[in-house]
Protein backbone atom coordinates (compact mmCIF):
# COMPACT_ATOMS: atom_id res chain seq x y z
CA MET A 1 38.04 -38.55 109.19
CA LYS A 2 36.35 -39.17 112.53
CA TYR A 3 37.32 -37.90 116.00
CA GLY A 4 40.04 -35.95 114.14
CA LEU A 5 41.65 -39.32 113.34
CA ASN A 6 42.21 -40.76 109.90
CA ILE A 7 41.36 -44.42 110.65
CA LYS A 8 41.82 -46.85 107.78
CA PRO A 9 38.64 -48.86 107.10
CA GLU A 10 40.55 -52.15 106.90
CA GLY A 11 43.97 -53.78 107.15
CA ALA A 12 45.67 -57.11 107.70
CA LEU A 13 45.87 -56.10 111.36
CA ASP A 14 43.39 -53.87 113.15
CA PHE A 15 45.82 -53.28 116.01
CA LEU A 16 49.52 -53.86 116.63
CA SER A 17 51.31 -53.20 119.92
CA LEU A 18 55.00 -53.04 120.84
CA GLY A 19 56.11 -53.94 124.36
CA ALA A 20 57.64 -56.47 126.73
CA LEU A 21 55.85 -59.70 127.59
CA ILE A 22 56.00 -60.70 131.24
CA HIS A 23 54.60 -63.39 133.49
CA ARG A 24 52.99 -62.51 136.81
CA LEU A 25 53.09 -64.92 139.74
CA ASP A 26 49.93 -64.48 141.80
CA PRO A 27 49.30 -66.31 145.11
CA GLY A 28 45.90 -64.62 145.37
CA ILE A 29 45.08 -63.17 148.77
CA ILE A 30 48.09 -64.84 150.42
CA PRO A 31 51.11 -62.51 150.87
CA PHE A 32 54.13 -63.73 148.90
CA ARG A 33 56.19 -64.36 152.06
CA LYS A 34 53.59 -66.94 153.16
CA ALA A 35 52.71 -68.34 149.72
CA ALA A 36 52.83 -72.06 148.95
CA GLU A 37 51.50 -71.89 145.38
CA CYS A 38 50.53 -69.32 142.77
CA GLN A 39 48.81 -68.81 139.44
CA ILE A 40 50.82 -67.68 136.41
CA HIS A 41 49.31 -64.82 134.39
CA VAL A 42 50.84 -63.68 131.10
CA SER A 43 50.83 -59.93 130.77
CA GLY A 44 52.49 -56.73 129.63
CA GLY A 45 50.63 -53.41 129.37
CA GLU A 46 50.95 -53.24 125.59
CA PHE A 47 50.21 -56.94 125.06
CA ASN A 48 47.14 -56.77 127.31
CA CYS A 49 45.47 -54.36 124.88
CA ALA A 50 46.19 -56.62 121.90
CA ALA A 51 44.91 -59.67 123.82
CA ASN A 52 41.72 -57.94 124.98
CA LEU A 53 40.96 -56.58 121.52
CA ALA A 54 41.40 -60.04 119.96
CA ASP A 55 39.70 -62.20 122.58
CA CYS A 56 36.75 -60.02 123.62
CA PHE A 57 36.29 -57.60 120.73
CA GLY A 58 37.12 -59.92 117.84
CA LEU A 59 39.76 -57.74 116.17
CA LYS A 60 42.84 -58.94 114.29
CA THR A 61 45.75 -58.00 116.52
CA GLY A 62 49.49 -58.50 116.82
CA VAL A 63 52.32 -57.89 119.29
CA ALA A 64 55.97 -57.11 118.58
CA SER A 65 58.10 -58.26 121.48
CA ALA A 66 61.14 -60.16 122.70
CA MET A 67 60.94 -63.93 123.13
CA VAL A 68 63.47 -66.16 124.89
CA ASP A 69 63.86 -69.77 123.80
CA TYR A 70 63.36 -71.54 127.16
CA PRO A 71 60.34 -73.00 128.98
CA ILE A 72 59.10 -69.70 130.43
CA GLY A 73 59.19 -68.22 126.95
CA GLU A 74 57.29 -71.21 125.60
CA LEU A 75 54.63 -70.79 128.30
CA ILE A 76 54.22 -67.10 127.41
CA ALA A 77 54.14 -67.78 123.66
CA GLU A 78 51.41 -70.38 124.19
CA ARG A 79 49.23 -67.85 126.06
CA VAL A 80 49.81 -65.20 123.37
CA LYS A 81 48.59 -67.71 120.80
CA ALA A 82 45.63 -68.73 123.00
CA MET A 83 44.45 -65.08 123.15
CA GLY A 84 44.47 -64.93 119.35
CA VAL A 85 47.34 -62.44 119.03
CA LYS A 86 49.77 -62.71 116.10
CA PRO A 87 53.38 -62.56 117.36
CA PHE A 88 56.32 -60.72 115.82
CA TYR A 89 59.22 -61.91 117.95
CA LYS A 90 62.87 -60.91 118.18
CA ARG A 91 64.26 -64.17 119.57
CA PHE A 92 66.96 -64.56 122.20
CA LYS A 93 68.77 -67.72 123.38
CA HIS A 94 68.84 -68.43 127.13
CA ASN A 95 72.31 -69.35 128.36
CA GLY A 96 70.93 -71.80 130.93
CA VAL A 97 72.15 -69.75 133.88
CA ASN A 98 71.26 -66.05 134.02
CA GLY A 99 69.35 -65.20 130.89
CA PRO A 100 68.31 -63.27 129.00
CA ASN A 101 65.01 -63.74 130.82
CA MET A 102 61.32 -63.09 130.38
CA ALA A 103 60.55 -60.65 133.21
CA THR A 104 58.73 -61.81 136.33
CA VAL A 105 56.20 -59.73 138.25
CA TYR A 106 55.19 -60.87 141.74
CA SER A 107 51.94 -59.71 143.25
CA ASP A 108 49.44 -60.47 145.92
CA ARG A 109 45.89 -59.19 145.72
CA GLY A 110 45.46 -57.96 149.27
CA LEU A 111 41.99 -57.88 150.80
CA GLY A 112 39.88 -55.21 152.46
CA VAL A 113 42.18 -52.87 154.40
CA ARG A 114 45.30 -54.75 153.18
CA ALA A 115 46.50 -53.22 149.93
CA PRO A 116 47.75 -55.24 146.95
CA VAL A 117 51.54 -55.51 146.58
CA VAL A 118 53.47 -55.63 143.30
CA PHE A 119 57.24 -56.03 142.85
CA TYR A 120 59.46 -57.06 139.94
CA ASN A 121 62.35 -59.18 138.87
CA ARG A 122 63.35 -57.67 135.54
CA ALA A 123 67.03 -58.70 135.79
CA ASN A 124 68.63 -59.27 132.36
CA GLU A 125 65.22 -58.92 130.71
CA ALA A 126 65.09 -59.70 126.99
CA GLY A 127 62.51 -56.94 126.43
CA ALA A 128 64.99 -54.33 127.68
CA LEU A 129 67.53 -55.50 125.06
CA LEU A 130 65.22 -54.59 122.17
CA LYS A 131 66.60 -51.74 120.07
CA PRO A 132 66.02 -49.92 116.77
CA GLY A 133 66.58 -52.21 113.80
CA ASP A 134 65.24 -55.34 115.54
CA PHE A 135 61.95 -55.37 113.58
CA ASP A 136 61.30 -54.97 109.87
CA TRP A 137 58.68 -52.24 110.25
CA PRO A 138 58.19 -51.62 106.49
CA ALA A 139 57.32 -55.32 106.05
CA ILE A 140 55.06 -55.39 109.12
CA PHE A 141 53.21 -52.15 108.36
CA GLY A 142 53.24 -52.92 104.64
CA GLN A 143 50.57 -55.59 105.24
CA GLY A 144 48.22 -52.84 106.42
CA VAL A 145 47.92 -51.91 110.11
CA ARG A 146 45.06 -49.67 111.25
CA TRP A 147 46.28 -48.79 114.74
CA PHE A 148 49.70 -48.94 116.46
CA HIS A 149 50.16 -48.77 120.25
CA SER A 150 52.94 -48.73 122.81
CA GLY A 151 53.42 -47.56 126.38
CA GLY A 152 55.50 -45.93 129.06
CA ILE A 153 56.41 -49.13 130.89
CA PHE A 154 58.25 -50.43 127.81
CA ALA A 155 59.80 -47.00 127.21
CA ALA A 156 61.23 -47.07 130.76
CA LEU A 157 62.99 -50.44 130.50
CA SER A 158 66.30 -49.27 128.99
CA GLU A 159 68.10 -46.65 126.92
CA THR A 160 67.16 -48.50 123.72
CA THR A 161 63.46 -49.31 124.20
CA GLY A 162 62.30 -45.70 123.94
CA GLU A 163 64.36 -45.30 120.76
CA LEU A 164 62.65 -48.39 119.34
CA ILE A 165 59.22 -46.91 120.11
CA VAL A 166 60.19 -43.67 118.31
CA GLU A 167 61.34 -45.69 115.29
CA ALA A 168 58.12 -47.73 115.29
CA MET A 169 55.86 -44.68 115.73
CA LYS A 170 57.49 -42.96 112.73
CA ALA A 171 57.08 -46.12 110.63
CA ALA A 172 53.43 -46.41 111.74
CA LYS A 173 52.70 -42.78 110.81
CA ALA A 174 54.42 -43.22 107.44
CA ALA A 175 52.20 -46.26 106.78
CA GLY A 176 49.00 -44.37 107.68
CA ALA A 177 48.25 -46.07 111.01
CA VAL A 178 46.69 -44.23 113.94
CA THR A 179 49.17 -44.16 116.83
CA SER A 180 48.46 -44.35 120.57
CA PHE A 181 50.61 -44.30 123.69
CA ASP A 182 49.71 -45.16 127.28
CA LEU A 183 51.92 -42.95 129.46
CA ASN A 184 51.85 -45.50 132.35
CA TYR A 185 54.49 -43.59 134.33
CA ARG A 186 56.42 -45.93 136.63
CA ALA A 187 58.95 -44.02 138.74
CA LYS A 188 60.61 -47.26 139.94
CA LEU A 189 61.56 -48.19 136.37
CA TRP A 190 62.75 -44.73 135.28
CA ASN A 191 64.78 -44.15 138.46
CA ILE A 192 67.09 -47.09 137.72
CA TRP A 193 68.70 -45.52 134.68
CA GLY A 194 67.54 -42.00 133.99
CA GLY A 195 65.10 -40.53 136.45
CA ALA A 196 62.35 -37.99 135.88
CA ASP A 197 64.24 -35.68 133.48
CA GLN A 198 65.23 -38.59 131.24
CA ALA A 199 61.64 -39.81 131.26
CA VAL A 200 60.31 -36.46 130.04
CA SER A 201 62.99 -36.30 127.33
CA VAL A 202 62.31 -39.80 125.99
CA ILE A 203 58.52 -39.57 126.22
CA HIS A 204 58.55 -36.16 124.48
CA ARG A 205 60.18 -37.68 121.39
CA ILE A 206 57.64 -40.50 121.37
CA VAL A 207 54.54 -38.34 121.90
CA GLU A 208 55.52 -36.03 119.01
CA ASN A 209 54.36 -38.94 116.81
CA VAL A 210 51.20 -39.85 118.76
CA ASP A 211 47.51 -39.25 117.90
CA VAL A 212 45.86 -40.76 121.01
CA LEU A 213 47.19 -40.47 124.59
CA VAL A 214 46.07 -42.53 127.57
CA GLY A 215 47.05 -41.29 131.01
CA ASN A 216 45.78 -39.60 134.15
CA GLU A 217 46.79 -36.16 135.46
CA GLU A 218 49.80 -37.61 137.29
CA ASP A 219 50.97 -39.33 134.10
CA LEU A 220 50.57 -36.06 132.18
CA GLN A 221 52.58 -34.16 134.79
CA LEU A 222 55.39 -36.71 135.27
CA GLY A 223 55.53 -38.15 131.76
CA LEU A 224 55.06 -34.97 129.73
CA GLY A 225 56.48 -32.48 132.23
CA ILE A 226 53.26 -30.46 132.17
CA ALA A 227 52.42 -28.54 135.33
CA GLY A 228 49.06 -29.40 136.87
CA PRO A 229 46.58 -26.58 137.42
CA GLU A 230 45.70 -25.46 140.93
CA VAL A 231 42.49 -27.46 141.01
CA HIS A 232 41.69 -29.16 144.30
CA SER A 233 39.32 -31.93 143.35
CA LYS A 234 36.75 -32.89 145.92
CA SER A 235 36.95 -36.45 144.68
CA LYS A 236 39.27 -38.67 142.65
CA LEU A 237 36.26 -39.02 140.34
CA ASP A 238 36.21 -35.28 139.61
CA PRO A 239 37.63 -34.88 136.08
CA SER A 240 38.24 -31.11 136.36
CA THR A 241 42.00 -31.44 137.04
CA PHE A 242 42.42 -33.77 134.06
CA PHE A 243 40.38 -31.59 131.70
CA GLY A 244 42.17 -28.51 133.04
CA MET A 245 45.48 -29.89 131.76
CA ILE A 246 44.36 -30.77 128.22
CA GLY A 247 44.93 -27.24 126.92
CA ASP A 248 48.61 -27.47 127.89
CA VAL A 249 48.90 -30.94 126.39
CA VAL A 250 47.56 -29.91 122.98
CA LYS A 251 49.55 -26.66 123.03
CA LYS A 252 52.71 -28.75 123.36
CA TYR A 253 51.53 -31.56 121.05
CA ALA A 254 49.16 -30.05 118.51
CA GLN A 255 48.76 -33.33 116.61
CA VAL A 256 47.20 -35.13 119.62
CA LYS A 257 43.46 -35.50 118.95
CA VAL A 258 42.36 -37.75 121.83
CA VAL A 259 43.34 -37.96 125.51
CA ALA A 260 41.59 -40.42 127.84
CA THR A 261 41.92 -41.86 131.32
CA THR A 262 40.15 -43.85 134.00
CA LEU A 263 39.03 -42.26 137.27
CA ARG A 264 39.26 -44.46 140.33
CA GLU A 265 38.62 -43.83 144.02
CA VAL A 266 39.90 -46.69 146.18
CA HIS A 267 37.77 -47.15 149.31
CA SER A 268 39.34 -50.51 150.13
CA THR A 269 41.23 -53.14 148.14
CA ASN A 270 37.96 -54.71 147.00
CA HIS A 271 35.75 -51.62 146.77
CA HIS A 272 36.50 -48.96 144.17
CA SER A 273 34.39 -46.21 142.64
CA TRP A 274 35.07 -46.17 138.90
CA SER A 275 34.57 -43.83 135.98
CA ALA A 276 36.40 -42.70 132.83
CA VAL A 277 36.79 -39.53 130.80
CA ALA A 278 38.06 -38.51 127.39
CA TRP A 279 38.85 -35.36 125.45
CA ILE A 280 38.12 -36.12 121.79
CA ASP A 281 38.91 -33.51 119.14
CA GLY A 282 37.97 -30.58 121.38
CA GLN A 283 34.98 -32.12 123.19
CA THR A 284 34.85 -33.74 126.64
CA TYR A 285 33.03 -36.96 127.51
CA THR A 286 32.48 -38.60 130.90
CA ALA A 287 31.36 -42.18 131.59
CA PRO A 288 28.94 -42.98 134.43
CA GLU A 289 30.20 -43.77 137.91
CA CYS A 290 29.85 -47.27 139.31
CA GLU A 291 30.93 -49.16 142.40
CA LEU A 292 33.30 -52.07 141.75
CA ASN A 293 33.70 -55.19 143.86
CA VAL A 294 37.27 -55.88 142.79
CA LEU A 295 38.73 -59.38 142.54
CA ASP A 296 42.04 -58.45 140.84
CA ARG A 297 42.70 -54.83 139.94
CA VAL A 298 45.76 -55.47 137.73
CA GLY A 299 44.99 -54.75 134.07
CA GLY A 300 41.89 -52.60 134.64
CA GLY A 301 43.46 -49.58 132.97
CA ASP A 302 44.50 -51.66 129.96
CA GLY A 303 40.94 -53.01 129.93
CA PHE A 304 39.64 -49.44 129.62
CA ALA A 305 42.13 -48.57 126.86
CA SER A 306 41.16 -51.70 124.91
CA GLY A 307 37.43 -51.05 124.97
CA PHE A 308 37.93 -47.36 124.18
CA ILE A 309 40.22 -48.11 121.22
CA PHE A 310 37.72 -50.69 119.96
CA GLY A 311 35.00 -48.03 120.08
CA LEU A 312 37.13 -45.63 118.03
CA LEU A 313 38.19 -48.29 115.52
CA ASN A 314 34.57 -49.40 115.20
CA GLY A 315 33.29 -45.87 114.53
CA GLU A 316 31.10 -45.68 117.66
CA ALA A 317 29.81 -42.33 118.93
CA PRO A 318 32.51 -40.74 121.16
CA LEU A 319 30.58 -41.17 124.42
CA ASP A 320 29.80 -44.78 123.50
CA ALA A 321 33.53 -45.43 122.94
CA VAL A 322 34.27 -44.06 126.41
CA LYS A 323 31.50 -46.19 127.92
CA LEU A 324 32.78 -49.33 126.17
CA GLY A 325 36.22 -48.74 127.69
CA TRP A 326 34.71 -47.98 131.10
CA ALA A 327 32.52 -51.10 131.00
CA HIS A 328 35.30 -53.42 129.83
CA GLY A 329 37.75 -52.07 132.43
CA ALA A 330 35.14 -52.58 135.15
CA LEU A 331 34.45 -56.15 134.07
CA LEU A 332 38.15 -56.93 133.85
CA THR A 333 38.59 -56.28 137.58
CA THR A 334 36.15 -59.13 138.27
CA PHE A 335 38.42 -61.77 136.66
CA PRO A 336 41.75 -63.15 137.84
CA GLY A 337 44.69 -62.17 135.67
CA ASP A 338 45.63 -59.19 133.55
CA THR A 339 43.70 -59.95 130.36
CA THR A 340 40.03 -60.23 129.58
CA MET A 341 37.58 -63.07 130.15
CA ALA A 342 34.59 -60.92 129.17
CA THR A 343 32.45 -61.24 126.06
CA LEU A 344 31.51 -58.34 123.82
CA GLU A 345 27.86 -58.99 124.68
CA GLN A 346 28.63 -58.53 128.39
CA VAL A 347 30.58 -55.33 127.73
CA ARG A 348 27.83 -53.80 125.59
CA ALA A 349 25.17 -54.74 128.15
CA PHE A 350 27.10 -53.13 131.00
CA ALA A 351 27.94 -50.05 128.91
CA LYS A 352 24.21 -49.57 128.35
CA GLY A 353 23.52 -49.79 132.07
CA GLY A 354 23.10 -53.54 132.47
CA SER A 355 22.94 -55.10 135.92
CA ALA A 356 24.47 -58.09 137.67
CA ARG A 357 21.19 -60.00 137.74
CA ILE A 358 21.65 -63.69 137.03
CA GLN A 359 21.56 -64.64 133.35
CA ARG A 360 19.19 -67.61 132.93
């Protein structure tokens, strides 16, 4: 037992996530209304963690998701494979006209005073059709899974996706896996079918089965329905508001042993101040602050969660786990796309206070 968590020493999979796979069309710094071409990034908050943990941190990971049998699905499946993630797919046939589809996210990066823009086309999304009974959890967890993860974006997709997460969390707990949930509150998604009250109701039933929570103070307030304390932070990097809410979180969910989040102050699109904090089994830990020159901010939070979870799975000291997450999230903002291009050596060097001096 470490960090208050009972982490299995080994398993067929170190980490399994459940969520929707998407593809993001990215014209870079050109606004979409003026774009002539774009890059295609494969993503999904839950998948990103599995991809980062496999590709950078060398863990055995898997993703349970929907897959549509058409060229976009094949493109996404190829990228999942390229990142070293084992797929568990519920397959859907495309009717050649209107779906079901693999969701599309459109974004442009912005620059300087011009903020990034993100919007969706999740019409008839296969991921939103996923429901309890679609996966054979006893067979999947029966192989041995050390850590199971899902998130609030997937929970918000439909009336059935949250129920599927609850089913999966219960199966994970029964099989002895540590469970984590990234609150990732997205008002746009919840407002389509349930709104804020529905979000709190669904997330409550998920978090009852969760050991490790990822989310900032806004996520805790909107996702868990916990009132924020009257703390007026001088800076977005001041963790006092976040730490001030932990008591209410663990009063409501006594089984939660770890709560962590990134801290980010946005000075301009390409200049952020960056830190991270965690409450681990009653103790608080804060990463250093650093200044980021941001290329592509999408996926930075998942980058933090991945490095932090690796630290916990690897038995690192609590502060070192926070620093690994902080370092990996920072590095991830320097690459295009939502998933990692960093090496573990780079992450460890930065976590120890490494610099950007040229490597010769």
